[in-house]
């Protein structure tokens, strides 16, 4: 059972902030290579925090779009496999406006988690 406070998202944010704001500057002075590695670790924690916070809703939106696009229900993994099969066999292609809208929305959700500063 999840704790009330702090949430997983809050914990991940606190750890990433500590690493970025306190540990990394100290390591940059003492050992620049480790400072770089600490920035990578802090960034990975920030991605995990966004995944915890934004991932479930993004997955639900993707699932709903796929159900509408494919006209059948299933797990997100199964629906994505079916879409991939349809793309491989040429049943769907870039002329399908519903497909393109789905892909654009899915990529936007993934970028919001992986690198929200990209846009």
PDB file of N, CA and C in Angstrom:
ATOM      1  N   UNK A   1       0.841  -1.173   0.000  1.00  0.00           N
ATOM      2  CA  UNK A   1       0.000   0.000   0.000  1.00  0.00           C
ATOM      3  C   UNK A   1       0.892   1.244   0.000  1.00  0.00           C
ATOM      4  N   UNK A   2       0.533   2.186  -0.805  1.00  0.00           N
ATOM      5  CA  UNK A   2       1.319   3.411  -0.909  1.00  0.00           C
ATOM      6  C   UNK A   2       1.146   4.284   0.324  1.00  0.00           C
ATOM      7  N   UNK A   3       2.175   4.994   0.649  1.00  0.00           N
ATOM      8  CA  UNK A   3       2.118   5.957   1.740  1.00  0.00           C
ATOM      9  C   UNK A   3       1.389   7.201   1.260  1.00  0.00           C
ATOM     10  N   UNK A   4       0.846   7.971   2.216  1.00  0.00           N
ATOM     11  CA  UNK A   4       0.162   9.202   1.846  1.00  0.00           C
ATOM     12  C   UNK A   4       1.155  10.275   1.408  1.00  0.00           C
ATOM     13  N   UNK A   5       2.081  10.610   2.291  1.00  0.00           N
ATOM     14  CA  UNK A   5       3.066  11.637   2.002  1.00  0.00           C
ATOM     15  C   UNK A   5       4.372  11.244   2.648  1.00  0.00           C
ATOM     16  N   UNK A   6       5.486  11.417   2.071  1.00  0.00           N
ATOM     17  CA  UNK A   6       5.622  11.902   0.699  1.00  0.00           C
ATOM     18  C   UNK A   6       5.260  10.812  -0.314  1.00  0.00           C
ATOM     19  N   UNK A   7       4.786  11.254  -1.457  1.00  0.00           N
ATOM     20  CA  UNK A   7       4.453  10.324  -2.521  1.00  0.00           C
ATOM     21  C   UNK A   7       5.728   9.856  -3.207  1.00  0.00           C
ATOM     22  N   UNK A   8       5.609   8.823  -4.012  1.00  0.00           N
ATOM     23  CA  UNK A   8       6.775   8.349  -4.778  1.00  0.00           C
ATOM     24  C   UNK A   8       7.322   9.472  -5.646  1.00  0.00           C
ATOM     25  N   UNK A   9       6.444  10.230  -6.263  1.00  0.00           N
ATOM     26  CA  UNK A   9       6.870  11.344  -7.103  1.00  0.00           C
ATOM     27  C   UNK A   9       7.632  12.389  -6.288  1.00  0.00           C
ATOM     28  N   UNK A  10       7.130  12.707  -5.090  1.00  0.00           N
ATOM     29  CA  UNK A  10       7.809  13.687  -4.236  1.00  0.00           C
ATOM     30  C   UNK A  10       9.169  13.181  -3.778  1.00  0.00           C
ATOM     31  N   UNK A  11       9.264  11.904  -3.446  1.00  0.00           N
ATOM     32  CA  UNK A  11      10.551  11.336  -3.037  1.00  0.00           C
ATOM     33  C   UNK A  11      11.566  11.386  -4.171  1.00  0.00           C
ATOM     34  N   UNK A  12      11.138  10.985  -5.355  1.00  0.00           N
ATOM     35  CA  UNK A  12      12.048  11.013  -6.500  1.00  0.00           C
ATOM     36  C   UNK A  12      12.508  12.432  -6.805  1.00  0.00           C
ATOM     37  N   UNK A  13      11.594  13.388  -6.709  1.00  0.00           N
ATOM     38  CA  UNK A  13      11.955  14.794  -6.934  1.00  0.00           C
ATOM     39  C   UNK A  13      12.959  15.275  -5.895  1.00  0.00           C
ATOM     40  N   UNK A  14      12.732  14.931  -4.638  1.00  0.00           N
ATOM     41  CA  UNK A  14      13.648  15.357  -3.572  1.00  0.00           C
ATOM     42  C   UNK A  14      15.047  14.779  -3.772  1.00  0.00           C
ATOM     43  N   UNK A  15      15.118  13.507  -4.149  1.00  0.00           N
ATOM     44  CA  UNK A  15      16.427  12.878  -4.376  1.00  0.00           C
ATOM     45  C   UNK A  15      17.126  13.532  -5.566  1.00  0.00           C
ATOM     46  N   UNK A  16      16.396  13.707  -6.658  1.00  0.00           N
ATOM     47  CA  UNK A  16      16.994  14.329  -7.848  1.00  0.00           C
ATOM     48  C   UNK A  16      17.468  15.743  -7.536  1.00  0.00           C
ATOM     49  N   UNK A  17      16.664  16.515  -6.799  1.00  0.00           N
ATOM     50  CA  UNK A  17      17.063  17.882  -6.437  1.00  0.00           C
ATOM     51  C   UNK A  17      18.329  17.881  -5.587  1.00  0.00           C
ATOM     52  N   UNK A  18      18.394  16.982  -4.598  1.00  0.00           N
ATOM     53  CA  UNK A  18      19.593  16.891  -3.761  1.00  0.00           C
ATOM     54  C   UNK A  18      20.819  16.574  -4.609  1.00  0.00           C
ATOM     55  N   UNK A  19      20.699  15.584  -5.474  1.00  0.00           N
ATOM     56  CA  UNK A  19      21.842  15.202  -6.308  1.00  0.00           C
ATOM     57  C   UNK A  19      22.260  16.351  -7.218  1.00  0.00           C
ATOM     58  N   UNK A  20      21.288  17.015  -7.811  1.00  0.00           N
ATOM     59  CA  UNK A  20      21.575  18.096  -8.757  1.00  0.00           C
ATOM     60  C   UNK A  20      22.130  19.334  -8.064  1.00  0.00           C
ATOM     61  N   UNK A  21      21.530  19.707  -6.936  1.00  0.00           N
ATOM     62  CA  UNK A  21      21.850  20.993  -6.304  1.00  0.00           C
ATOM     63  C   UNK A  21      22.980  20.927  -5.278  1.00  0.00           C
ATOM     64  N   UNK A  22      23.181  19.760  -4.647  1.00  0.00           N
ATOM     65  CA  UNK A  22      24.195  19.686  -3.597  1.00  0.00           C
ATOM     66  C   UNK A  22      25.330  18.717  -3.931  1.00  0.00           C
ATOM     67  N   UNK A  23      24.991  17.510  -4.301  1.00  0.00           N
ATOM     68  CA  UNK A  23      26.035  16.514  -4.535  1.00  0.00           C
ATOM     69  C   UNK A  23      26.828  16.804  -5.810  1.00  0.00           C
ATOM     70  N   UNK A  24      26.143  17.165  -6.869  1.00  0.00           N
ATOM     71  CA  UNK A  24      26.844  17.398  -8.144  1.00  0.00           C
ATOM     72  C   UNK A  24      27.855  18.535  -8.058  1.00  0.00           C
ATOM     73  N   UNK A  25      27.499  19.706  -7.512  1.00  0.00           N
ATOM     74  CA  UNK A  25      28.508  20.776  -7.413  1.00  0.00           C
ATOM     75  C   UNK A  25      29.736  20.357  -6.601  1.00  0.00           C
ATOM     76  N   UNK A  26      29.516  19.610  -5.525  1.00  0.00           N
ATOM     77  CA  UNK A  26      30.661  19.153  -4.711  1.00  0.00           C
ATOM     78  C   UNK A  26      31.526  18.196  -5.518  1.00  0.00           C
ATOM     79  N   UNK A  27      30.900  17.287  -6.249  1.00  0.00           N
ATOM     80  CA  UNK A  27      31.672  16.344  -7.066  1.00  0.00           C
ATOM     81  C   UNK A  27      32.358  17.037  -8.232  1.00  0.00           C
ATOM     82  N   UNK A  28      31.713  18.046  -8.808  1.00  0.00           N
ATOM     83  CA  UNK A  28      32.344  18.786  -9.913  1.00  0.00           C
ATOM     84  C   UNK A  28      33.685  19.369  -9.479  1.00  0.00           C
ATOM     85  N   UNK A  29      33.733  19.854  -8.251  1.00  0.00           N
ATOM     86  CA  UNK A  29      34.993  20.436  -7.736  1.00  0.00           C
ATOM     87  C   UNK A  29      36.028  19.353  -7.443  1.00  0.00           C
ATOM     88  N   UNK A  30      35.582  18.252  -6.858  1.00  0.00           N
ATOM     89  CA  UNK A  30      36.522  17.214  -6.421  1.00  0.00           C
ATOM     90  C   UNK A  30      36.860  16.222  -7.525  1.00  0.00           C
ATOM     91  N   UNK A  31      35.872  15.848  -8.302  1.00  0.00           N
ATOM     92  CA  UNK A  31      36.050  14.801  -9.319  1.00  0.00           C
ATOM     93  C   UNK A  31      35.060  15.052 -10.459  1.00  0.00           C
ATOM     94  N   UNK A  32      35.448  15.851 -11.459  1.00  0.00           N
ATOM     95  CA  UNK A  32      34.526  16.239 -12.534  1.00  0.00           C
ATOM     96  C   UNK A  32      33.842  15.056 -13.236  1.00  0.00           C
ATOM     97  N   UNK A  33      34.548  13.955 -13.406  1.00  0.00           N
ATOM     98  CA  UNK A  33      33.934  12.806 -14.076  1.00  0.00           C
ATOM     99  C   UNK A  33      32.754  12.283 -13.264  1.00  0.00           C
ATOM    100  N   UNK A  34      32.920  12.224 -11.953  1.00  0.00           N
ATOM    101  CA  UNK A  34      31.822  11.790 -11.088  1.00  0.00           C
ATOM    102  C   UNK A  34      30.694  12.818 -11.048  1.00  0.00           C
ATOM    103  N   UNK A  35      31.053  14.085 -11.171  1.00  0.00           N
ATOM    104  CA  UNK A  35      30.024  15.120 -11.257  1.00  0.00           C
ATOM    105  C   UNK A  35      29.138  14.910 -12.478  1.00  0.00           C
ATOM    106  N   UNK A  36      29.762  14.570 -13.590  1.00  0.00           N
ATOM    107  CA  UNK A  36      28.981  14.279 -14.808  1.00  0.00           C
ATOM    108  C   UNK A  36      28.079  13.073 -14.577  1.00  0.00           C
ATOM    109  N   UNK A  37      28.623  12.021 -13.994  1.00  0.00           N
ATOM    110  CA  UNK A  37      27.822  10.826 -13.721  1.00  0.00           C
ATOM    111  C   UNK A  37      26.661  11.146 -12.777  1.00  0.00           C
ATOM    112  N   UNK A  38      26.878  12.046 -11.840  1.00  0.00           N
ATOM    113  CA  UNK A  38      25.818  12.430 -10.909  1.00  0.00           C
ATOM    114  C   UNK A  38      24.718  13.186 -11.646  1.00  0.00           C
ATOM    115  N   UNK A  39      25.086  14.028 -12.612  1.00  0.00           N
ATOM    116  CA  UNK A  39      24.065  14.726 -13.416  1.00  0.00           C
ATOM    117  C   UNK A  39      23.236  13.721 -14.207  1.00  0.00           C
ATOM    118  N   UNK A  40      23.891  12.697 -14.745  1.00  0.00           N
ATOM    119  CA  UNK A  40      23.168  11.640 -15.469  1.00  0.00           C
ATOM    120  C   UNK A  40      22.200  10.935 -14.520  1.00  0.00           C
ATOM    121  N   UNK A  41      22.651  10.614 -13.312  1.00  0.00           N
ATOM    122  CA  UNK A  41      21.795   9.940 -12.333  1.00  0.00           C
ATOM    123  C   UNK A  41      20.617  10.825 -11.931  1.00  0.00           C
ATOM    124  N   UNK A  42      20.861  12.104 -11.713  1.00  0.00           N
ATOM    125  CA  UNK A  42      19.783  13.026 -11.346  1.00  0.00           C
ATOM    126  C   UNK A  42      18.766  13.129 -12.472  1.00  0.00           C
ATOM    127  N   UNK A  43      19.241  13.163 -13.699  1.00  0.00           N
ATOM    128  CA  UNK A  43      18.335  13.223 -14.850  1.00  0.00           C
ATOM    129  C   UNK A  43      17.500  11.944 -14.937  1.00  0.00           C
ATOM    130  N   UNK A  44      18.122  10.795 -14.690  1.00  0.00           N
ATOM    131  CA  UNK A  44      17.384   9.528 -14.718  1.00  0.00           C
ATOM    132  C   UNK A  44      16.292   9.517 -13.646  1.00  0.00           C
ATOM    133  N   UNK A  45      16.592  10.039 -12.467  1.00  0.00           N
ATOM    134  CA  UNK A  45      15.576  10.119 -11.419  1.00  0.00           C
ATOM    135  C   UNK A  45      14.438  11.057 -11.813  1.00  0.00           C
ATOM    136  N   UNK A  46      14.763  12.144 -12.495  1.00  0.00           N
ATOM    137  CA  UNK A  46      13.720  13.068 -12.947  1.00  0.00           C
ATOM    138  C   UNK A  46      12.807  12.391 -13.974  1.00  0.00           C
ATOM    139  N   UNK A  47      13.392  11.575 -14.854  1.00  0.00           N
ATOM    140  CA  UNK A  47      12.586  10.818 -15.816  1.00  0.00           C
ATOM    141  C   UNK A  47      11.678   9.835 -15.078  1.00  0.00           C
ATOM    142  N   UNK A  48      12.225   9.139 -14.082  1.00  0.00           N
ATOM    143  CA  UNK A  48      11.416   8.212 -13.288  1.00  0.00           C
ATOM    144  C   UNK A  48      10.271   8.936 -12.583  1.00  0.00           C
ATOM    145  N   UNK A  49      10.540  10.103 -12.050  1.00  0.00           N
ATOM    146  CA  UNK A  49       9.487  10.871 -11.375  1.00  0.00           C
ATOM    147  C   UNK A  49       8.369  11.212 -12.348  1.00  0.00           C
ATOM    148  N   UNK A  50       8.732  11.664 -13.549  1.00  0.00           N
ATOM    149  CA  UNK A  50       7.692  11.995 -14.540  1.00  0.00           C
ATOM    150  C   UNK A  50       6.948  10.740 -14.976  1.00  0.00           C
ATOM    151  N   UNK A  51       7.644   9.609 -15.070  1.00  0.00           N
ATOM    152  CA  UNK A  51       7.000   8.342 -15.421  1.00  0.00           C
ATOM    153  C   UNK A  51       5.966   7.953 -14.367  1.00  0.00           C
ATOM    154  N   UNK A  52       6.337   8.085 -13.095  1.00  0.00           N
ATOM    155  CA  UNK A  52       5.402   7.762 -12.005  1.00  0.00           C
ATOM    156  C   UNK A  52       4.191   8.692 -12.060  1.00  0.00           C
ATOM    157  N   UNK A  53       4.444   9.968 -12.305  1.00  0.00           N
ATOM    158  CA  UNK A  53       3.379  10.973 -12.249  1.00  0.00           C
ATOM    159  C   UNK A  53       2.529  10.998 -13.515  1.00  0.00           C
ATOM    160  N   UNK A  54       3.164  10.894 -14.678  1.00  0.00           N
ATOM    161  CA  UNK A  54       2.450  11.074 -15.947  1.00  0.00           C
ATOM    162  C   UNK A  54       2.167   9.777 -16.696  1.00  0.00           C
ATOM    163  N   UNK A  55       2.920   8.733 -16.404  1.00  0.00           N
ATOM    164  CA  UNK A  55       2.833   7.500 -17.169  1.00  0.00           C
ATOM    165  C   UNK A  55       1.473   6.822 -17.183  1.00  0.00           C
ATOM    166  N   UNK A  56       0.830   6.641 -16.031  1.00  0.00           N
ATOM    167  CA  UNK A  56      -0.459   5.942 -16.043  1.00  0.00           C
ATOM    168  C   UNK A  56      -1.515   6.627 -16.927  1.00  0.00           C
ATOM    169  N   UNK A  57      -1.604   7.943 -16.857  1.00  0.00           N
ATOM    170  CA  UNK A  57      -2.581   8.653 -17.688  1.00  0.00           C
ATOM    171  C   UNK A  57      -2.201   8.574 -19.165  1.00  0.00           C
ATOM    172  N   UNK A  58      -0.903   8.664 -19.458  1.00  0.00           N
ATOM    173  CA  UNK A  58      -0.450   8.549 -20.858  1.00  0.00           C
ATOM    174  C   UNK A  58      -0.777   7.166 -21.401  1.00  0.00           C
ATOM    175  N   UNK A  59      -0.537   6.124 -20.594  1.00  0.00           N
ATOM    176  CA  UNK A  59      -0.863   4.757 -21.022  1.00  0.00           C
ATOM    177  C   UNK A  59      -2.357   4.598 -21.258  1.00  0.00           C
ATOM    178  N   UNK A  60      -3.172   5.176 -20.386  1.00  0.00           N
ATOM    179  CA  UNK A  60      -4.628   5.072 -20.541  1.00  0.00           C
ATOM    180  C   UNK A  60      -5.084   5.766 -21.821  1.00  0.00           C
ATOM    181  N   UNK A  61      -4.523   6.941 -22.111  1.00  0.00           N
ATOM    182  CA  UNK A  61      -4.889   7.650 -23.345  1.00  0.00           C
ATOM    183  C   UNK A  61      -4.463   6.842 -24.571  1.00  0.00           C
ATOM    184  N   UNK A  62      -3.250   6.283 -24.523  1.00  0.00           N
ATOM    185  CA  UNK A  62      -2.776   5.467 -25.647  1.00  0.00           C
ATOM    186  C   UNK A  62      -3.682   4.253 -25.839  1.00  0.00           C
ATOM    187  N   UNK A  63      -4.037   3.590 -24.764  1.00  0.00           N
ATOM    188  CA  UNK A  63      -4.914   2.421 -24.831  1.00  0.00           C
ATOM    189  C   UNK A  63      -6.252   2.804 -25.464  1.00  0.00           C
ATOM    190  N   UNK A  64      -6.841   3.896 -25.003  1.00  0.00           N
ATOM    191  CA  UNK A  64      -8.137   4.321 -25.539  1.00  0.00           C
ATOM    192  C   UNK A  64      -8.046   4.648 -27.029  1.00  0.00           C
ATOM    193  N   UNK A  65      -6.968   5.306 -27.430  1.00  0.00           N
ATOM    194  CA  UNK A  65      -6.806   5.622 -28.864  1.00  0.00           C
ATOM    195  C   UNK A  65      -6.667   4.342 -29.679  1.00  0.00           C
ATOM    196  N   UNK A  66      -5.891   3.391 -29.164  1.00  0.00           N
ATOM    197  CA  UNK A  66      -5.703   2.134 -29.887  1.00  0.00           C
ATOM    198  C   UNK A  66      -6.999   1.336 -29.998  1.00  0.00           C
ATOM    199  N   UNK A  67      -7.793   1.320 -28.945  1.00  0.00           N
ATOM    200  CA  UNK A  67      -9.091   0.626 -29.002  1.00  0.00           C
ATOM    201  C   UNK A  67      -9.939   1.247 -30.114  1.00  0.00           C
ATOM    202  N   UNK A  68      -9.984   2.571 -30.168  1.00  0.00           N
ATOM    203  CA  UNK A  68     -10.742   3.238 -31.223  1.00  0.00           C
ATOM    204  C   UNK A  68     -10.173   2.993 -32.601  1.00  0.00           C
ATOM    205  N   UNK A  69      -8.883   3.014 -32.720  1.00  0.00           N
ATOM    206  CA  UNK A  69      -8.216   2.835 -34.007  1.00  0.00           C
ATOM    207  C   UNK A  69      -8.367   1.413 -34.526  1.00  0.00           C
ATOM    208  N   UNK A  70      -8.196   0.439 -33.638  1.00  0.00           N
ATOM    209  CA  UNK A  70      -8.203  -0.966 -34.058  1.00  0.00           C
ATOM    210  C   UNK A  70      -9.580  -1.615 -33.967  1.00  0.00           C
ATOM    211  N   UNK A  71     -10.490  -0.977 -33.232  1.00  0.00           N
ATOM    212  CA  UNK A  71     -11.830  -1.525 -33.115  1.00  0.00           C
ATOM    213  C   UNK A  71     -11.914  -2.786 -32.271  1.00  0.00           C
ATOM    214  N   UNK A  72     -10.985  -2.936 -31.344  1.00  0.00           N
ATOM    215  CA  UNK A  72     -11.012  -4.084 -30.443  1.00  0.00           C
ATOM    216  C   UNK A  72     -10.313  -3.719 -29.147  1.00  0.00           C
ATOM    217  N   UNK A  73     -10.579  -4.487 -28.108  1.00  0.00           N
ATOM    218  CA  UNK A  73      -9.966  -4.227 -26.807  1.00  0.00           C
ATOM    219  C   UNK A  73      -8.838  -5.221 -26.570  1.00  0.00           C
ATOM    220  N   UNK A  74      -8.032  -4.929 -25.602  1.00  0.00           N
ATOM    221  CA  UNK A  74      -6.916  -5.782 -25.229  1.00  0.00           C
ATOM    222  C   UNK A  74      -5.974  -4.994 -24.352  1.00  0.00           C
ATOM    223  N   UNK A  75      -4.885  -5.623 -23.965  1.00  0.00           N
ATOM    224  CA  UNK A  75      -3.881  -4.904 -23.179  1.00  0.00           C
ATOM    225  C   UNK A  75      -3.160  -3.923 -24.099  1.00  0.00           C
ATOM    226  N   UNK A  76      -2.519  -2.967 -23.504  1.00  0.00           N
ATOM    227  CA  UNK A  76      -1.756  -1.998 -24.287  1.00  0.00           C
ATOM    228  C   UNK A  76      -0.702  -2.711 -25.126  1.00  0.00           C
ATOM    229  N   UNK A  77      -0.038  -3.683 -24.543  1.00  0.00           N
ATOM    230  CA  UNK A  77       0.993  -4.433 -25.269  1.00  0.00           C
ATOM    231  C   UNK A  77       0.387  -5.183 -26.468  1.00  0.00           C
ATOM    232  N   UNK A  78      -0.729  -5.846 -26.254  1.00  0.00           N
ATOM    233  CA  UNK A  78      -1.373  -6.604 -27.331  1.00  0.00           C
ATOM    234  C   UNK A  78      -1.838  -5.682 -28.446  1.00  0.00           C
ATOM    235  N   UNK A  79      -2.427  -4.551 -28.078  1.00  0.00           N
ATOM    236  CA  UNK A  79      -2.905  -3.608 -29.089  1.00  0.00           C
ATOM    237  C   UNK A  79      -1.738  -3.021 -29.880  1.00  0.00           C
ATOM    238  N   UNK A  80      -0.640  -2.704 -29.210  1.00  0.00           N
ATOM    239  CA  UNK A  80       0.530  -2.190 -29.920  1.00  0.00           C
ATOM    240  C   UNK A  80       1.118  -3.247 -30.850  1.00  0.00           C
ATOM    241  N   UNK A  81       1.113  -4.492 -30.411  1.00  0.00           N
ATOM    242  CA  UNK A  81       1.595  -5.569 -31.287  1.00  0.00           C
ATOM    243  C   UNK A  81       0.724  -5.677 -32.541  1.00  0.00           C
ATOM    244  N   UNK A  82      -0.586  -5.552 -32.356  1.00  0.00           N
ATOM    245  CA  UNK A  82      -1.493  -5.619 -33.503  1.00  0.00           C
ATOM    246  C   UNK A  82      -1.271  -4.440 -34.439  1.00  0.00           C
ATOM    247  N   UNK A  83      -1.093  -3.268 -33.886  1.00  0.00           N
ATOM    248  CA  UNK A  83      -0.818  -2.104 -34.741  1.00  0.00           C
ATOM    249  C   UNK A  83       0.487  -2.301 -35.501  1.00  0.00           C
ATOM    250  N   UNK A  84       1.508  -2.791 -34.843  1.00  0.00           N
ATOM    251  CA  UNK A  84       2.788  -3.045 -35.514  1.00  0.00           C
ATOM    252  C   UNK A  84       2.615  -4.062 -36.636  1.00  0.00           C
ATOM    253  N   UNK A  85       1.819  -5.095 -36.393  1.00  0.00           N
ATOM    254  CA  UNK A  85       1.571  -6.091 -37.430  1.00  0.00           C
ATOM    255  C   UNK A  85       0.880  -5.448 -38.628  1.00  0.00           C
ATOM    256  N   UNK A  86      -0.109  -4.606 -38.359  1.00  0.00           N
ATOM    257  CA  UNK A  86      -0.814  -3.949 -39.451  1.00  0.00           C
ATOM    258  C   UNK A  86       0.103  -3.017 -40.242  1.00  0.00           C
ATOM    259  N   UNK A  87       1.004  -2.367 -39.574  1.00  0.00           N
ATOM    260  CA  UNK A  87       1.965  -1.506 -40.264  1.00  0.00           C
ATOM    261  C   UNK A  87       2.932  -2.336 -41.112  1.00  0.00           C
ATOM    262  N   UNK A  88       3.420  -3.441 -40.549  1.00  0.00           N
ATOM    263  CA  UNK A  88       4.346  -4.303 -41.299  1.00  0.00           C
ATOM    264  C   UNK A  88       3.700  -4.874 -42.553  1.00  0.00           C
ATOM    265  N   UNK A  89       2.426  -5.252 -42.452  1.00  0.00           N
ATOM    266  CA  UNK A  89       1.757  -5.884 -43.598  1.00  0.00           C
ATOM    267  C   UNK A  89       1.182  -4.871 -44.575  1.00  0.00           C
ATOM    268  N   UNK A  90       1.253  -3.592 -44.238  1.00  0.00           N
ATOM    269  CA  UNK A  90       0.735  -2.573 -45.143  1.00  0.00           C
ATOM    270  C   UNK A  90      -0.758  -2.322 -45.005  1.00  0.00           C
ATOM    271  N   UNK A  91      -1.391  -2.914 -44.004  1.00  0.00           N
ATOM    272  CA  UNK A  91      -2.822  -2.661 -43.782  1.00  0.00           C
ATOM    273  C   UNK A  91      -3.065  -1.212 -43.377  1.00  0.00           C
ATOM    274  N   UNK A  92      -2.090  -0.600 -42.761  1.00  0.00           N
ATOM    275  CA  UNK A  92      -2.158   0.811 -42.363  1.00  0.00           C
ATOM    276  C   UNK A  92      -0.868   1.490 -42.795  1.00  0.00           C
ATOM    277  N   UNK A  93      -1.001   2.761 -43.138  1.00  0.00           N
ATOM    278  CA  UNK A  93       0.191   3.541 -43.482  1.00  0.00           C
ATOM    279  C   UNK A  93      -0.056   5.006 -43.174  1.00  0.00           C
ATOM    280  N   UNK A  94       0.868   5.850 -43.586  1.00  0.00           N
ATOM    281  CA  UNK A  94       0.832   7.273 -43.233  1.00  0.00           C
ATOM    282  C   UNK A  94      -0.360   8.021 -43.819  1.00  0.00           C
ATOM    283  N   UNK A  95      -1.101   7.403 -44.712  1.00  0.00           N
ATOM    284  CA  UNK A  95      -2.294   8.057 -45.269  1.00  0.00           C
ATOM    285  C   UNK A  95      -3.486   7.946 -44.328  1.00  0.00           C
ATOM    286  N   UNK A  96      -3.362   7.136 -43.286  1.00  0.00           N
ATOM    287  CA  UNK A  96      -4.423   6.940 -42.294  1.00  0.00           C
ATOM    288  C   UNK A  96      -4.332   8.073 -41.264  1.00  0.00           C
ATOM    289  N   UNK A  97      -5.244   9.039 -41.357  1.00  0.00           N
ATOM    290  CA  UNK A  97      -5.173  10.211 -40.474  1.00  0.00           C
ATOM    291  C   UNK A  97      -5.365   9.829 -39.006  1.00  0.00           C
ATOM    292  N   UNK A  98      -6.188   8.829 -38.726  1.00  0.00           N
ATOM    293  CA  UNK A  98      -6.359   8.369 -37.349  1.00  0.00           C
ATOM    294  C   UNK A  98      -5.075   7.793 -36.784  1.00  0.00           C
ATOM    295  N   UNK A  99      -4.382   7.028 -37.611  1.00  0.00           N
ATOM    296  CA  UNK A  99      -3.089   6.468 -37.211  1.00  0.00           C
ATOM    297  C   UNK A  99      -2.103   7.583 -36.917  1.00  0.00           C
ATOM    298  N   UNK A 100      -2.018   8.543 -37.801  1.00  0.00           N
ATOM    299  CA  UNK A 100      -1.040   9.614 -37.626  1.00  0.00           C
ATOM    300  C   UNK A 100      -1.352  10.452 -36.387  1.00  0.00           C
ATOM    301  N   UNK A 101      -2.639  10.705 -36.119  1.00  0.00           N
ATOM    302  CA  UNK A 101      -3.011  11.448 -34.918  1.00  0.00           C
ATOM    303  C   UNK A 101      -2.625  10.654 -33.674  1.00  0.00           C
ATOM    304  N   UNK A 102      -2.848   9.350 -33.707  1.00  0.00           N
ATOM    305  CA  UNK A 102      -2.474   8.491 -32.577  1.00  0.00           C
ATOM    306  C   UNK A 102      -0.962   8.520 -32.353  1.00  0.00           C
ATOM    307  N   UNK A 103      -0.199   8.367 -33.407  1.00  0.00           N
ATOM    308  CA  UNK A 103       1.264   8.348 -33.266  1.00  0.00           C
ATOM    309  C   UNK A 103       1.781   9.679 -32.742  1.00  0.00           C
ATOM    310  N   UNK A 104       1.232  10.780 -33.236  1.00  0.00           N
ATOM    311  CA  UNK A 104       1.666  12.097 -32.782  1.00  0.00           C
ATOM    312  C   UNK A 104       1.362  12.282 -31.286  1.00  0.00           C
ATOM    313  N   UNK A 105       0.175  11.892 -30.854  1.00  0.00           N
ATOM    314  CA  UNK A 105      -0.198  12.030 -29.441  1.00  0.00           C
ATOM    315  C   UNK A 105       0.658  11.116 -28.559  1.00  0.00           C
ATOM    316  N   UNK A 106       0.928   9.911 -29.029  1.00  0.00           N
ATOM    317  CA  UNK A 106       1.742   8.971 -28.253  1.00  0.00           C
ATOM    318  C   UNK A 106       3.164   9.493 -28.095  1.00  0.00           C
ATOM    319  N   UNK A 107       3.739   9.984 -29.166  1.00  0.00           N
ATOM    320  CA  UNK A 107       5.100  10.530 -29.104  1.00  0.00           C
ATOM    321  C   UNK A 107       5.139  11.751 -28.187  1.00  0.00           C
ATOM    322  N   UNK A 108       4.123  12.611 -28.266  1.00  0.00           N
ATOM    323  CA  UNK A 108       4.092  13.800 -27.402  1.00  0.00           C
ATOM    324  C   UNK A 108       4.066  13.394 -25.925  1.00  0.00           C
ATOM    325  N   UNK A 109       3.274  12.372 -25.586  1.00  0.00           N
ATOM    326  CA  UNK A 109       3.235  11.900 -24.205  1.00  0.00           C
ATOM    327  C   UNK A 109       4.582  11.330 -23.779  1.00  0.00           C
ATOM    328  N   UNK A 110       5.237  10.588 -24.660  1.00  0.00           N
ATOM    329  CA  UNK A 110       6.529   9.989 -24.316  1.00  0.00           C
ATOM    330  C   UNK A 110       7.602  11.068 -24.138  1.00  0.00           C
ATOM    331  N   UNK A 111       7.573  12.087 -24.975  1.00  0.00           N
ATOM    332  CA  UNK A 111       8.538  13.186 -24.852  1.00  0.00           C
ATOM    333  C   UNK A 111       8.295  13.972 -23.568  1.00  0.00           C
ATOM    334  N   UNK A 112       7.029  14.139 -23.180  1.00  0.00           N
ATOM    335  CA  UNK A 112       6.723  14.856 -21.937  1.00  0.00           C
ATOM    336  C   UNK A 112       7.355  14.150 -20.743  1.00  0.00           C
ATOM    337  N   UNK A 113       7.509  12.842 -20.832  1.00  0.00           N
ATOM    338  CA  UNK A 113       8.136  12.084 -19.755  1.00  0.00           C
ATOM    339  C   UNK A 113       9.660  12.079 -19.902  1.00  0.00           C
ATOM    340  N   UNK A 114      10.144  11.803 -21.081  1.00  0.00           N
ATOM    341  CA  UNK A 114      11.585  11.637 -21.286  1.00  0.00           C
ATOM    342  C   UNK A 114      12.357  12.964 -21.277  1.00  0.00           C
ATOM    343  N   UNK A 115      11.787  13.994 -21.898  1.00  0.00           N
ATOM    344  CA  UNK A 115      12.510  15.250 -22.019  1.00  0.00           C
ATOM    345  C   UNK A 115      11.520  16.389 -22.266  1.00  0.00           C
ATOM    346  N   UNK A 116      10.851  16.866 -21.215  1.00  0.00           N
ATOM    347  CA  UNK A 116       9.805  17.865 -21.419  1.00  0.00           C
ATOM    348  C   UNK A 116      10.299  19.205 -21.954  1.00  0.00           C
ATOM    349  N   UNK A 117      11.586  19.458 -21.898  1.00  0.00           N
ATOM    350  CA  UNK A 117      12.127  20.724 -22.430  1.00  0.00           C
ATOM    351  C   UNK A 117      12.333  20.664 -23.938  1.00  0.00           C
ATOM    352  N   UNK A 118      12.107  19.492 -24.533  1.00  0.00           N
ATOM    353  CA  UNK A 118      12.373  19.313 -25.960  1.00  0.00           C
ATOM    354  C   UNK A 118      11.560  20.263 -26.823  1.00  0.00           C
ATOM    355  N   UNK A 119      10.299  20.447 -26.509  1.00  0.00           N
ATOM    356  CA  UNK A 119       9.423  21.293 -27.347  1.00  0.00           C
ATOM    357  C   UNK A 119       9.610  22.738 -27.060  1.00  0.00           C
TER     358      UNK A 119
END
